[in-house]
Amino acid sequence: MVELLKTLNGCRAAAQEAARDEDVATAFQEALFHDWGDGVAEVEQALESAARLSHLHGSAMFFLAQEASATQALVSLLSPLYLHKQGRGTLQVEEWGRKMFAEPHVMAAIKEVTNKFLESEEKDGHLIDPNVWRNLQESGGKVALYCTFFGTVVVNLLKLIRSVEEDQFSLHLQEFFPILCSLVLVQSDEIRKAVQEILQLQVAPLLQVKV
């Protein structure tokens, strides 16, 4: 399990580093120019379109997809461990050992992904077609921005938060609540709905409020 976790984190780190590599970006751009042809008109058209295409093609698109996939795999791996409930006839220490192992990795993923998502949406959200936010699963990967590629990952992390036991949620309320407040205003209806469910199912009982 530890080795698998290291591998996934290594994939994420490698994708992040490659996305920042200017040599790799240049190679992708040269491949794009090659597809336009060798004529003067074609090259000029490619140059004029380079800025517009920067969010639709090239290394950013490829490596964001790799990072998002590795992060989603990480969440899928950790979720059953963190949400595991103690069964009858089992030792409490053994069961809680799974949660204790998963907890720091889950919290780190929640903080990193949501913070980067919020920064990306605030910076580049105005560039995105509103239709992209209507179905993150189908359209989120069409624009090479962190907030579009990781929208589905954010939703799955929120579903994880919604599903934790009350004592787990209470333990991290100081960390969860600011994240929920920040996500209230994002453009994605799917994310806002997930936040609403957490407020109803997790926060309201702590406040002894019926919804």
C-alpha atoms as a PDB file:
ATOM      1  CA  MET A   1       0.000   0.000   0.000  1.00  0.00           C
ATOM      2  CA  VAL A   2       2.807   2.399   0.907  1.00  0.00           C
ATOM      3  CA  GLU A   3       4.629   1.681  -2.347  1.00  0.00           C
ATOM      4  CA  LEU A   4       1.468   2.192  -4.380  1.00  0.00           C
ATOM      5  CA  LEU A   5       0.910   5.516  -2.648  1.00  0.00           C
ATOM      6  CA  LYS A   6       4.483   6.559  -3.413  1.00  0.00           C
ATOM      7  CA  THR A   7       4.016   5.597  -7.057  1.00  0.00           C
ATOM      8  CA  LEU A   8       0.846   7.674  -7.438  1.00  0.00           C
ATOM      9  CA  ASN A   9       2.417  10.676  -5.740  1.00  0.00           C
ATOM     10  CA  GLY A  10       5.452  10.225  -7.954  1.00  0.00           C
ATOM     11  CA  CYS A  11       3.235  10.261 -11.053  1.00  0.00           C
ATOM     12  CA  ARG A  12       1.562  13.450  -9.863  1.00  0.00           C
ATOM     13  CA  ALA A  13       4.900  15.129  -9.183  1.00  0.00           C
ATOM     14  CA  ALA A  14       6.330  14.036 -12.532  1.00  0.00           C
ATOM     15  CA  ALA A  15       3.287  15.412 -14.382  1.00  0.00           C
ATOM     16  CA  GLN A  16       3.555  18.744 -12.548  1.00  0.00           C
ATOM     17  CA  GLU A  17       7.259  19.026 -13.361  1.00  0.00           C
ATOM     18  CA  ALA A  18       6.791  18.067 -17.008  1.00  0.00           C
ATOM     19  CA  ALA A  19       4.006  20.636 -17.392  1.00  0.00           C
ATOM     20  CA  ARG A  20       6.489  23.341 -16.332  1.00  0.00           C
ATOM     21  CA  ASP A  21       9.274  22.076 -18.616  1.00  0.00           C
ATOM     22  CA  GLU A  22       9.768  24.630 -21.405  1.00  0.00           C
ATOM     23  CA  ASP A  23      11.596  22.142 -23.620  1.00  0.00           C
ATOM     24  CA  VAL A  24       8.644  19.769 -23.500  1.00  0.00           C
ATOM     25  CA  ALA A  25       6.232  22.633 -24.196  1.00  0.00           C
ATOM     26  CA  THR A  26       8.329  23.664 -27.193  1.00  0.00           C
ATOM     27  CA  ALA A  27       8.288  20.140 -28.585  1.00  0.00           C
ATOM     28  CA  PHE A  28       4.500  20.031 -28.316  1.00  0.00           C
ATOM     29  CA  GLN A  29       4.241  23.444 -29.993  1.00  0.00           C
ATOM     30  CA  GLU A  30       6.521  22.398 -32.845  1.00  0.00           C
ATOM     31  CA  ALA A  31       4.366  19.342 -33.409  1.00  0.00           C
ATOM     32  CA  LEU A  32       1.331  21.641 -33.585  1.00  0.00           C
ATOM     33  CA  PHE A  33       3.014  23.881 -36.175  1.00  0.00           C
ATOM     34  CA  HIS A  34       3.983  20.817 -38.197  1.00  0.00           C
ATOM     35  CA  ASP A  35       0.309  19.855 -38.469  1.00  0.00           C
ATOM     36  CA  TRP A  36      -0.490  23.225 -40.035  1.00  0.00           C
ATOM     37  CA  GLY A  37       1.860  22.646 -42.990  1.00  0.00           C
ATOM     38  CA  ASP A  38       4.964  24.356 -44.342  1.00  0.00           C
ATOM     39  CA  GLY A  39       3.462  27.204 -46.357  1.00  0.00           C
ATOM     40  CA  VAL A  40       3.932  30.825 -45.280  1.00  0.00           C
ATOM     41  CA  ALA A  41       0.205  31.387 -44.897  1.00  0.00           C
ATOM     42  CA  GLU A  42      -0.164  28.261 -42.792  1.00  0.00           C
ATOM     43  CA  VAL A  43       2.704  29.237 -40.486  1.00  0.00           C
ATOM     44  CA  GLU A  44       1.323  32.770 -40.040  1.00  0.00           C
ATOM     45  CA  GLN A  45      -2.079  31.348 -39.234  1.00  0.00           C
ATOM     46  CA  ALA A  46      -0.518  28.986 -36.705  1.00  0.00           C
ATOM     47  CA  LEU A  47       1.342  31.832 -35.015  1.00  0.00           C
ATOM     48  CA  GLU A  48      -1.784  33.966 -34.836  1.00  0.00           C
ATOM     49  CA  SER A  49      -3.690  31.096 -33.286  1.00  0.00           C
ATOM     50  CA  ALA A  50      -0.969  30.045 -30.817  1.00  0.00           C
ATOM     51  CA  ALA A  51      -2.272  32.133 -27.929  1.00  0.00           C
ATOM     52  CA  ARG A  52      -5.831  30.914 -28.413  1.00  0.00           C
ATOM     53  CA  LEU A  53      -4.703  27.307 -28.723  1.00  0.00           C
ATOM     54  CA  SER A  54      -2.434  27.414 -25.682  1.00  0.00           C
ATOM     55  CA  HIS A  55      -5.314  26.357 -23.439  1.00  0.00           C
ATOM     56  CA  LEU A  56      -6.570  23.707 -25.868  1.00  0.00           C
ATOM     57  CA  HIS A  57      -3.463  21.849 -27.013  1.00  0.00           C
ATOM     58  CA  GLY A  58       0.101  21.093 -26.085  1.00  0.00           C
ATOM     59  CA  SER A  59       1.863  19.819 -23.017  1.00  0.00           C
ATOM     60  CA  ALA A  60      -0.456  21.551 -20.530  1.00  0.00           C
ATOM     61  CA  MET A  61      -3.439  19.563 -21.777  1.00  0.00           C
ATOM     62  CA  PHE A  62      -1.537  16.277 -21.747  1.00  0.00           C
ATOM     63  CA  PHE A  63       0.121  16.568 -18.350  1.00  0.00           C
ATOM     64  CA  LEU A  64      -2.878  18.068 -16.576  1.00  0.00           C
ATOM     65  CA  ALA A  65      -4.785  14.981 -17.684  1.00  0.00           C
ATOM     66  CA  GLN A  66      -2.027  12.770 -16.270  1.00  0.00           C
ATOM     67  CA  GLU A  67      -1.947  14.629 -12.966  1.00  0.00           C
ATOM     68  CA  ALA A  68      -5.738  14.605 -12.629  1.00  0.00           C
ATOM     69  CA  SER A  69      -5.900  10.861 -13.343  1.00  0.00           C
ATOM     70  CA  ALA A  70      -3.189  10.084 -10.792  1.00  0.00           C
ATOM     71  CA  THR A  71      -4.877  12.285  -8.196  1.00  0.00           C
ATOM     72  CA  GLN A  72      -8.228  10.620  -8.801  1.00  0.00           C
ATOM     73  CA  ALA A  73      -6.581   7.211  -8.428  1.00  0.00           C
ATOM     74  CA  LEU A  74      -5.077   8.413  -5.142  1.00  0.00           C
ATOM     75  CA  VAL A  75      -8.507   9.490  -3.863  1.00  0.00           C
ATOM     76  CA  SER A  76     -10.046   6.172  -4.947  1.00  0.00           C
ATOM     77  CA  LEU A  77      -7.299   4.278  -3.127  1.00  0.00           C
ATOM     78  CA  LEU A  78      -7.563   6.221   0.127  1.00  0.00           C
ATOM     79  CA  SER A  79     -11.336   6.667   0.368  1.00  0.00           C
ATOM     80  CA  PRO A  80     -12.214   3.071   1.408  1.00  0.00           C
ATOM     81  CA  LEU A  81      -9.482   3.160   4.053  1.00  0.00           C
ATOM     82  CA  TYR A  82     -10.539   6.511   5.481  1.00  0.00           C
ATOM     83  CA  LEU A  83     -14.251   5.653   5.435  1.00  0.00           C
ATOM     84  CA  HIS A  84     -13.845   2.099   6.712  1.00  0.00           C
ATOM     85  CA  LYS A  85     -16.212   1.320   9.563  1.00  0.00           C
ATOM     86  CA  GLN A  86     -15.433  -1.081  12.340  1.00  0.00           C
ATOM     87  CA  GLY A  87     -17.207  -4.393  11.943  1.00  0.00           C
ATOM     88  CA  ARG A  88     -18.287  -6.913  14.515  1.00  0.00           C
ATOM     89  CA  GLY A  89     -15.643  -9.203  15.911  1.00  0.00           C
ATOM     90  CA  THR A  90     -12.748  -7.030  14.780  1.00  0.00           C
ATOM     91  CA  LEU A  91     -10.189  -5.215  16.818  1.00  0.00           C
ATOM     92  CA  GLN A  92     -10.746  -1.476  17.089  1.00  0.00           C
ATOM     93  CA  VAL A  93      -7.006  -0.806  16.903  1.00  0.00           C
ATOM     94  CA  GLU A  94      -6.758  -2.683  13.619  1.00  0.00           C
ATOM     95  CA  GLU A  95      -9.709  -0.849  12.074  1.00  0.00           C
ATOM     96  CA  TRP A  96      -8.590   2.602  13.190  1.00  0.00           C
ATOM     97  CA  GLY A  97      -5.120   1.813  11.878  1.00  0.00           C
ATOM     98  CA  ARG A  98      -6.524   2.095   8.364  1.00  0.00           C
ATOM     99  CA  LYS A  99      -8.005   5.510   9.026  1.00  0.00           C
ATOM    100  CA  MET A 100      -4.864   6.727  10.754  1.00  0.00           C
ATOM    101  CA  PHE A 101      -2.806   5.674   7.734  1.00  0.00           C
ATOM    102  CA  ALA A 102      -5.119   7.314   5.210  1.00  0.00           C
ATOM    103  CA  GLU A 103      -6.012  10.470   7.129  1.00  0.00           C
ATOM    104  CA  PRO A 104      -2.892  12.640   6.543  1.00  0.00           C
ATOM    105  CA  HIS A 105      -2.841  11.756   2.848  1.00  0.00           C
ATOM    106  CA  VAL A 106      -6.552  12.511   2.466  1.00  0.00           C
ATOM    107  CA  MET A 107      -6.238  15.857   4.228  1.00  0.00           C
ATOM    108  CA  ALA A 108      -3.193  16.811   2.159  1.00  0.00           C
ATOM    109  CA  ALA A 109      -5.050  15.983  -1.079  1.00  0.00           C
ATOM    110  CA  ILE A 110      -8.133  17.965  -0.020  1.00  0.00           C
ATOM    111  CA  LYS A 111      -6.096  21.060   0.831  1.00  0.00           C
ATOM    112  CA  GLU A 112      -3.853  20.939  -2.244  1.00  0.00           C
ATOM    113  CA  VAL A 113      -6.565  20.248  -4.806  1.00  0.00           C
ATOM    114  CA  THR A 114      -9.168  22.686  -3.471  1.00  0.00           C
ATOM    115  CA  ASN A 115      -6.631  25.503  -3.014  1.00  0.00           C
ATOM    116  CA  LYS A 116      -5.271  25.099  -6.548  1.00  0.00           C
ATOM    117  CA  PHE A 117      -8.789  24.766  -7.945  1.00  0.00           C
ATOM    118  CA  LEU A 118      -9.906  28.007  -6.300  1.00  0.00           C
ATOM    119  CA  GLU A 119      -6.784  29.867  -7.446  1.00  0.00           C
ATOM    120  CA  SER A 120      -7.225  28.619 -11.007  1.00  0.00           C
ATOM    121  CA  GLU A 121     -10.917  29.479 -11.191  1.00  0.00           C
ATOM    122  CA  GLU A 122     -10.348  32.949  -9.777  1.00  0.00           C
ATOM    123  CA  LYS A 123      -7.556  33.631 -12.264  1.00  0.00           C
ATOM    124  CA  ASP A 124      -8.933  32.014 -15.421  1.00  0.00           C
ATOM    125  CA  GLY A 125     -12.608  31.322 -14.752  1.00  0.00           C
ATOM    126  CA  HIS A 126     -13.688  34.178 -17.015  1.00  0.00           C
ATOM    127  CA  LEU A 127     -12.050  32.408 -19.973  1.00  0.00           C
ATOM    128  CA  ILE A 128     -14.223  29.316 -19.649  1.00  0.00           C
ATOM    129  CA  ASP A 129     -17.441  28.683 -21.546  1.00  0.00           C
ATOM    130  CA  PRO A 130     -20.279  28.369 -18.985  1.00  0.00           C
ATOM    131  CA  ASN A 131     -21.313  25.107 -20.658  1.00  0.00           C
ATOM    132  CA  VAL A 132     -18.114  23.516 -19.351  1.00  0.00           C
ATOM    133  CA  TRP A 133     -19.400  23.776 -15.782  1.00  0.00           C
ATOM    134  CA  ARG A 134     -22.712  22.061 -16.524  1.00  0.00           C
ATOM    135  CA  ASN A 135     -21.197  18.604 -16.763  1.00  0.00           C
ATOM    136  CA  LEU A 136     -17.671  18.357 -15.408  1.00  0.00           C
ATOM    137  CA  GLN A 137     -17.410  14.659 -16.178  1.00  0.00           C
ATOM    138  CA  GLU A 138     -17.922  15.161 -19.920  1.00  0.00           C
ATOM    139  CA  SER A 139     -16.568  18.643 -20.653  1.00  0.00           C
ATOM    140  CA  GLY A 140     -14.120  19.464 -17.873  1.00  0.00           C
ATOM    141  CA  GLY A 141     -11.078  18.266 -19.807  1.00  0.00           C
ATOM    142  CA  LYS A 142     -11.574  20.365 -22.944  1.00  0.00           C
ATOM    143  CA  VAL A 143      -9.691  23.390 -21.608  1.00  0.00           C
ATOM    144  CA  ALA A 144      -6.160  23.066 -20.226  1.00  0.00           C
ATOM    145  CA  LEU A 145      -6.773  24.804 -16.917  1.00  0.00           C
ATOM    146  CA  TYR A 146      -6.424  23.283 -13.473  1.00  0.00           C
ATOM    147  CA  CYS A 147      -9.966  24.214 -12.463  1.00  0.00           C
ATOM    148  CA  THR A 148     -11.516  22.406 -15.433  1.00  0.00           C
ATOM    149  CA  PHE A 149      -9.426  19.249 -15.249  1.00  0.00           C
ATOM    150  CA  PHE A 150      -9.759  18.945 -11.470  1.00  0.00           C
ATOM    151  CA  GLY A 151     -13.435  19.863 -11.141  1.00  0.00           C
ATOM    152  CA  THR A 152     -14.434  16.188 -10.973  1.00  0.00           C
ATOM    153  CA  VAL A 153     -11.671  15.488  -8.438  1.00  0.00           C
ATOM    154  CA  VAL A 154     -13.031  18.277  -6.224  1.00  0.00           C
ATOM    155  CA  VAL A 155     -16.520  16.761  -6.444  1.00  0.00           C
ATOM    156  CA  ASN A 156     -15.203  13.347  -5.390  1.00  0.00           C
ATOM    157  CA  LEU A 157     -13.275  14.847  -2.476  1.00  0.00           C
ATOM    158  CA  LEU A 158     -16.445  16.607  -1.334  1.00  0.00           C
ATOM    159  CA  LYS A 159     -18.337  13.310  -1.538  1.00  0.00           C
ATOM    160  CA  LEU A 160     -15.635  11.839   0.671  1.00  0.00           C
ATOM    161  CA  ILE A 161     -16.090  14.639   3.219  1.00  0.00           C
ATOM    162  CA  ARG A 162     -19.859  14.133   3.091  1.00  0.00           C
ATOM    163  CA  SER A 163     -19.437  10.430   3.875  1.00  0.00           C
ATOM    164  CA  VAL A 164     -17.040  10.592   6.843  1.00  0.00           C
ATOM    165  CA  GLU A 165     -18.301   9.712  10.287  1.00  0.00           C
ATOM    166  CA  GLU A 166     -19.372  12.510  12.605  1.00  0.00           C
ATOM    167  CA  ASP A 167     -16.302  12.275  14.843  1.00  0.00           C
ATOM    168  CA  GLN A 168     -13.994  12.465  11.829  1.00  0.00           C
ATOM    169  CA  PHE A 169     -15.801  15.493  10.469  1.00  0.00           C
ATOM    170  CA  SER A 170     -15.784  17.226  13.868  1.00  0.00           C
ATOM    171  CA  LEU A 171     -12.072  16.569  14.228  1.00  0.00           C
ATOM    172  CA  HIS A 172     -11.321  18.466  11.017  1.00  0.00           C
ATOM    173  CA  LEU A 173     -14.144  21.021  11.121  1.00  0.00           C
ATOM    174  CA  GLN A 174     -11.655  23.906  11.427  1.00  0.00           C
ATOM    175  CA  GLU A 175     -10.084  22.791   8.152  1.00  0.00           C
ATOM    176  CA  PHE A 176     -13.215  21.712   6.287  1.00  0.00           C
ATOM    177  CA  PHE A 177     -15.401  24.734   6.986  1.00  0.00           C
ATOM    178  CA  PRO A 178     -13.200  27.415   5.321  1.00  0.00           C
ATOM    179  CA  ILE A 179     -12.915  25.176   2.256  1.00  0.00           C
ATOM    180  CA  LEU A 180     -16.692  24.802   2.067  1.00  0.00           C
ATOM    181  CA  CYS A 181     -17.172  28.554   2.399  1.00  0.00           C
ATOM    182  CA  SER A 182     -14.715  29.214  -0.427  1.00  0.00           C
ATOM    183  CA  LEU A 183     -16.417  26.710  -2.735  1.00  0.00           C
ATOM    184  CA  VAL A 184     -19.877  28.221  -2.281  1.00  0.00           C
ATOM    185  CA  LEU A 185     -19.265  30.793  -5.023  1.00  0.00           C
ATOM    186  CA  VAL A 186     -17.610  28.606  -7.676  1.00  0.00           C
ATOM    187  CA  GLN A 187     -19.275  28.357 -11.070  1.00  0.00           C
ATOM    188  CA  SER A 188     -19.888  24.618 -11.017  1.00  0.00           C
ATOM    189  CA  ASP A 189     -23.424  23.666  -9.946  1.00  0.00           C
ATOM    190  CA  GLU A 190     -22.175  20.156  -9.245  1.00  0.00           C
ATOM    191  CA  ILE A 191     -19.608  21.406  -6.745  1.00  0.00           C
ATOM    192  CA  ARG A 192     -22.063  23.785  -5.071  1.00  0.00           C
ATOM    193  CA  LYS A 193     -24.583  20.952  -4.726  1.00  0.00           C
ATOM    194  CA  ALA A 194     -21.947  18.783  -3.059  1.00  0.00           C
ATOM    195  CA  VAL A 195     -21.178  21.627  -0.643  1.00  0.00           C
ATOM    196  CA  GLN A 196     -24.882  21.997   0.126  1.00  0.00           C
ATOM    197  CA  GLU A 197     -25.144  18.307   0.965  1.00  0.00           C
ATOM    198  CA  ILE A 198     -22.217  18.564   3.380  1.00  0.00           C
ATOM    199  CA  LEU A 199     -23.779  21.561   5.100  1.00  0.00           C
ATOM    200  CA  GLN A 200     -27.047  19.667   5.465  1.00  0.00           C
ATOM    201  CA  LEU A 201     -25.681  16.263   6.455  1.00  0.00           C
ATOM    202  CA  GLN A 202     -22.549  17.153   8.422  1.00  0.00           C
ATOM    203  CA  VAL A 203     -22.639  20.773   9.609  1.00  0.00           C
ATOM    204  CA  ALA A 204     -26.331  21.094  10.509  1.00  0.00           C
ATOM    205  CA  PRO A 205     -26.280  18.221  13.041  1.00  0.00           C
ATOM    206  CA  LEU A 206     -23.278  19.782  14.781  1.00  0.00           C
ATOM    207  CA  LEU A 207     -25.255  23.020  15.084  1.00  0.00           C
ATOM    208  CA  GLN A 208     -28.334  21.058  16.162  1.00  0.00           C
ATOM    209  CA  VAL A 209     -30.259  22.550  13.251  1.00  0.00           C
ATOM    210  CA  LYS A 210     -32.939  20.611  11.400  1.00  0.00           C
ATOM    211  CA  VAL A 211     -32.948  21.039   7.620  1.00  0.00           C
END
